[in-house]
Protein backbone atom coordinates (compact mmCIF):
# COMPACT_ATOMS: atom_id res chain seq x y z
CA UNK A 1 0.00 0.00 0.00
CA UNK A 2 1.72 3.11 -1.26
CA UNK A 3 0.82 6.33 0.54
CA UNK A 4 -0.79 8.96 -1.70
CA UNK A 5 0.93 12.28 -1.03
CA UNK A 6 -1.82 14.14 -2.89
CA UNK A 7 -4.09 13.29 0.03
CA UNK A 8 -1.58 14.86 2.44
CA UNK A 9 -1.33 17.98 0.25
CA UNK A 10 -5.13 18.33 0.33
CA UNK A 11 -5.52 17.61 4.05
CA UNK A 12 -2.56 19.64 5.33
CA UNK A 13 -4.12 23.12 4.86
CA UNK A 14 -7.38 21.92 6.48
CA UNK A 15 -5.52 20.46 9.48
CA UNK A 16 -3.29 23.56 9.72
CA UNK A 17 -6.31 25.90 9.65
CA UNK A 18 -8.11 23.79 12.25
CA UNK A 19 -5.07 23.73 14.51
CA UNK A 20 -4.56 27.48 14.14
CA UNK A 21 -8.24 28.13 15.01
CA UNK A 22 -8.04 25.88 18.09
CA UNK A 23 -4.79 27.61 19.15
CA UNK A 24 -6.32 31.10 18.80
CA UNK A 25 -9.57 30.14 20.57
CA UNK A 26 -7.57 28.49 23.37
CA UNK A 27 -5.36 31.57 23.81
CA UNK A 28 -8.40 33.86 23.92
CA UNK A 29 -10.16 31.56 26.39
CA UNK A 30 -7.11 31.59 28.69
CA UNK A 31 -6.93 35.41 28.53
CA UNK A 32 -10.65 35.73 29.33
CA UNK A 33 -10.29 33.22 32.17
CA UNK A 34 -7.36 35.13 33.67
CA UNK A 35 -9.31 38.43 33.48
CA UNK A 36 -12.27 36.77 35.19
CA UNK A 37 -10.07 35.31 37.95
CA UNK A 38 -8.35 38.68 38.47
CA UNK A 39 -11.76 40.38 38.93
CA UNK A 40 -12.76 37.79 41.55
CA UNK A 41 -9.71 38.48 43.75
PDB file of N, CA and C in Angstrom:
ATOM      1  N   UNK A   1       0.859  -1.198   0.000  1.00  0.00           N
ATOM      2  CA  UNK A   1       0.000   0.000   0.000  1.00  0.00           C
ATOM      3  C   UNK A   1       0.893   1.245   0.000  1.00  0.00           C
ATOM      4  N   UNK A   2       0.916   1.893  -1.131  1.00  0.00           N
ATOM      5  CA  UNK A   2       1.722   3.109  -1.263  1.00  0.00           C
ATOM      6  C   UNK A   2       0.908   4.311  -0.790  1.00  0.00           C
ATOM      7  N   UNK A   3       1.525   5.162   0.026  1.00  0.00           N
ATOM      8  CA  UNK A   3       0.819   6.334   0.539  1.00  0.00           C
ATOM      9  C   UNK A   3       0.682   7.383  -0.560  1.00  0.00           C
ATOM     10  N   UNK A   4      -0.525   7.944  -0.678  1.00  0.00           N
ATOM     11  CA  UNK A   4      -0.793   8.956  -1.700  1.00  0.00           C
ATOM     12  C   UNK A   4      -0.522  10.340  -1.107  1.00  0.00           C
ATOM     13  N   UNK A   5       0.557  10.973  -1.574  1.00  0.00           N
ATOM     14  CA  UNK A   5       0.932  12.278  -1.034  1.00  0.00           C
ATOM     15  C   UNK A   5      -0.032  13.387  -1.448  1.00  0.00           C
ATOM     16  N   UNK A   6      -0.812  13.145  -2.508  1.00  0.00           N
ATOM     17  CA  UNK A   6      -1.822  14.141  -2.892  1.00  0.00           C
ATOM     18  C   UNK A   6      -2.839  14.316  -1.776  1.00  0.00           C
ATOM     19  N   UNK A   7      -3.160  13.223  -1.095  1.00  0.00           N
ATOM     20  CA  UNK A   7      -4.090  13.287   0.030  1.00  0.00           C
ATOM     21  C   UNK A   7      -3.524  14.187   1.126  1.00  0.00           C
ATOM     22  N   UNK A   8      -2.255  14.039   1.422  1.00  0.00           N
ATOM     23  CA  UNK A   8      -1.584  14.858   2.441  1.00  0.00           C
ATOM     24  C   UNK A   8      -1.594  16.332   2.034  1.00  0.00           C
ATOM     25  N   UNK A   9      -1.342  16.600   0.760  1.00  0.00           N
ATOM     26  CA  UNK A   9      -1.330  17.978   0.248  1.00  0.00           C
ATOM     27  C   UNK A   9      -2.715  18.615   0.396  1.00  0.00           C
ATOM     28  N   UNK A  10      -3.756  17.827   0.190  1.00  0.00           N
ATOM     29  CA  UNK A  10      -5.130  18.332   0.327  1.00  0.00           C
ATOM     30  C   UNK A  10      -5.493  18.520   1.798  1.00  0.00           C
ATOM     31  N   UNK A  11      -5.124  17.560   2.642  1.00  0.00           N
ATOM     32  CA  UNK A  11      -5.516  17.607   4.050  1.00  0.00           C
ATOM     33  C   UNK A  11      -4.687  18.584   4.878  1.00  0.00           C
ATOM     34  N   UNK A  12      -3.442  18.798   4.501  1.00  0.00           N
ATOM     35  CA  UNK A  12      -2.561  19.637   5.325  1.00  0.00           C
ATOM     36  C   UNK A  12      -3.117  21.031   5.596  1.00  0.00           C
ATOM     37  N   UNK A  13      -3.585  21.783   4.578  1.00  0.00           N
ATOM     38  CA  UNK A  13      -4.121  23.122   4.863  1.00  0.00           C
ATOM     39  C   UNK A  13      -5.348  23.093   5.783  1.00  0.00           C
ATOM     40  N   UNK A  14      -6.180  22.057   5.636  1.00  0.00           N
ATOM     41  CA  UNK A  14      -7.376  21.924   6.475  1.00  0.00           C
ATOM     42  C   UNK A  14      -6.966  21.679   7.930  1.00  0.00           C
ATOM     43  N   UNK A  15      -6.010  20.769   8.129  1.00  0.00           N
ATOM     44  CA  UNK A  15      -5.516  20.463   9.478  1.00  0.00           C
ATOM     45  C   UNK A  15      -4.814  21.683  10.065  1.00  0.00           C
ATOM     46  N   UNK A  16      -4.012  22.369   9.254  1.00  0.00           N
ATOM     47  CA  UNK A  16      -3.293  23.559   9.721  1.00  0.00           C
ATOM     48  C   UNK A  16      -4.279  24.647  10.140  1.00  0.00           C
ATOM     49  N   UNK A  17      -5.308  24.884   9.326  1.00  0.00           N
ATOM     50  CA  UNK A  17      -6.313  25.899   9.646  1.00  0.00           C
ATOM     51  C   UNK A  17      -7.069  25.528  10.919  1.00  0.00           C
ATOM     52  N   UNK A  18      -7.418  24.257  11.047  1.00  0.00           N
ATOM     53  CA  UNK A  18      -8.107  23.789  12.255  1.00  0.00           C
ATOM     54  C   UNK A  18      -7.247  23.955  13.493  1.00  0.00           C
ATOM     55  N   UNK A  19      -5.989  23.584  13.379  1.00  0.00           N
ATOM     56  CA  UNK A  19      -5.070  23.728  14.509  1.00  0.00           C
ATOM     57  C   UNK A  19      -4.861  25.183  14.895  1.00  0.00           C
ATOM     58  N   UNK A  20      -4.747  26.048  13.894  1.00  0.00           N
ATOM     59  CA  UNK A  20      -4.563  27.480  14.136  1.00  0.00           C
ATOM     60  C   UNK A  20      -5.787  28.059  14.835  1.00  0.00           C
ATOM     61  N   UNK A  21      -6.995  27.655  14.384  1.00  0.00           N
ATOM     62  CA  UNK A  21      -8.237  28.128  15.006  1.00  0.00           C
ATOM     63  C   UNK A  21      -8.313  27.676  16.462  1.00  0.00           C
ATOM     64  N   UNK A  22      -8.006  26.414  16.721  1.00  0.00           N
ATOM     65  CA  UNK A  22      -8.037  25.881  18.092  1.00  0.00           C
ATOM     66  C   UNK A  22      -7.019  26.626  18.959  1.00  0.00           C
ATOM     67  N   UNK A  23      -5.835  26.885  18.418  1.00  0.00           N
ATOM     68  CA  UNK A  23      -4.789  27.606  19.153  1.00  0.00           C
ATOM     69  C   UNK A  23      -5.259  29.012  19.529  1.00  0.00           C
ATOM     70  N   UNK A  24      -5.848  29.729  18.549  1.00  0.00           N
ATOM     71  CA  UNK A  24      -6.319  31.099  18.803  1.00  0.00           C
ATOM     72  C   UNK A  24      -7.468  31.117  19.802  1.00  0.00           C
ATOM     73  N   UNK A  25      -8.429  30.207  19.650  1.00  0.00           N
ATOM     74  CA  UNK A  25      -9.568  30.137  20.567  1.00  0.00           C
ATOM     75  C   UNK A  25      -9.075  29.805  21.976  1.00  0.00           C
ATOM     76  N   UNK A  26      -8.142  28.864  22.069  1.00  0.00           N
ATOM     77  CA  UNK A  26      -7.575  28.486  23.367  1.00  0.00           C
ATOM     78  C   UNK A  26      -6.872  29.657  24.034  1.00  0.00           C
ATOM     79  N   UNK A  27      -6.084  30.409  23.262  1.00  0.00           N
ATOM     80  CA  UNK A  27      -5.361  31.568  23.811  1.00  0.00           C
ATOM     81  C   UNK A  27      -6.347  32.629  24.295  1.00  0.00           C
ATOM     82  N   UNK A  28      -7.384  32.890  23.513  1.00  0.00           N
ATOM     83  CA  UNK A  28      -8.404  33.864  23.919  1.00  0.00           C
ATOM     84  C   UNK A  28      -9.134  33.397  25.170  1.00  0.00           C
ATOM     85  N   UNK A  29      -9.462  32.115  25.229  1.00  0.00           N
ATOM     86  CA  UNK A  29     -10.160  31.562  26.391  1.00  0.00           C
ATOM     87  C   UNK A  29      -9.308  31.704  27.652  1.00  0.00           C
ATOM     88  N   UNK A  30      -8.017  31.456  27.549  1.00  0.00           N
ATOM     89  CA  UNK A  30      -7.107  31.589  28.692  1.00  0.00           C
ATOM     90  C   UNK A  30      -7.049  33.051  29.145  1.00  0.00           C
ATOM     91  N   UNK A  31      -6.962  33.980  28.192  1.00  0.00           N
ATOM     92  CA  UNK A  31      -6.931  35.408  28.533  1.00  0.00           C
ATOM     93  C   UNK A  31      -8.214  35.819  29.245  1.00  0.00           C
ATOM     94  N   UNK A  32      -9.366  35.393  28.710  1.00  0.00           N
ATOM     95  CA  UNK A  32     -10.652  35.725  29.331  1.00  0.00           C
ATOM     96  C   UNK A  32     -10.735  35.132  30.735  1.00  0.00           C
ATOM     97  N   UNK A  33     -10.287  33.893  30.877  1.00  0.00           N
ATOM     98  CA  UNK A  33     -10.293  33.220  32.173  1.00  0.00           C
ATOM     99  C   UNK A  33      -9.418  33.945  33.188  1.00  0.00           C
ATOM    100  N   UNK A  34      -8.258  34.406  32.769  1.00  0.00           N
ATOM    101  CA  UNK A  34      -7.359  35.133  33.670  1.00  0.00           C
ATOM    102  C   UNK A  34      -7.974  36.464  34.088  1.00  0.00           C
ATOM    103  N   UNK A  35      -8.628  37.167  33.159  1.00  0.00           N
ATOM    104  CA  UNK A  35      -9.307  38.433  33.481  1.00  0.00           C
ATOM    105  C   UNK A  35     -10.406  38.178  34.514  1.00  0.00           C
ATOM    106  N   UNK A  36     -11.165  37.120  34.293  1.00  0.00           N
ATOM    107  CA  UNK A  36     -12.269  36.773  35.194  1.00  0.00           C
ATOM    108  C   UNK A  36     -11.734  36.459  36.594  1.00  0.00           C
ATOM    109  N   UNK A  37     -10.655  35.676  36.655  1.00  0.00           N
ATOM    110  CA  UNK A  37     -10.066  35.314  37.949  1.00  0.00           C
ATOM    111  C   UNK A  37      -9.491  36.543  38.648  1.00  0.00           C
ATOM    112  N   UNK A  38      -8.921  37.467  37.872  1.00  0.00           N
ATOM    113  CA  UNK A  38      -8.354  38.676  38.470  1.00  0.00           C
ATOM    114  C   UNK A  38      -9.457  39.567  39.044  1.00  0.00           C
ATOM    115  N   UNK A  39     -10.629  39.616  38.410  1.00  0.00           N
ATOM    116  CA  UNK A  39     -11.765  40.384  38.930  1.00  0.00           C
ATOM    117  C   UNK A  39     -12.257  39.797  40.253  1.00  0.00           C
ATOM    118  N   UNK A  40     -12.256  38.465  40.348  1.00  0.00           N
ATOM    119  CA  UNK A  40     -12.757  37.791  41.545  1.00  0.00           C
ATOM    120  C   UNK A  40     -11.913  38.126  42.771  1.00  0.00           C
ATOM    121  N   UNK A  41     -10.611  38.251  42.598  1.00  0.00           N
ATOM    122  CA  UNK A  41      -9.709  38.480  43.745  1.00  0.00           C
ATOM    123  C   UNK A  41      -9.746  39.931  44.213  1.00  0.00           C
TER     124      UNK A  41
END
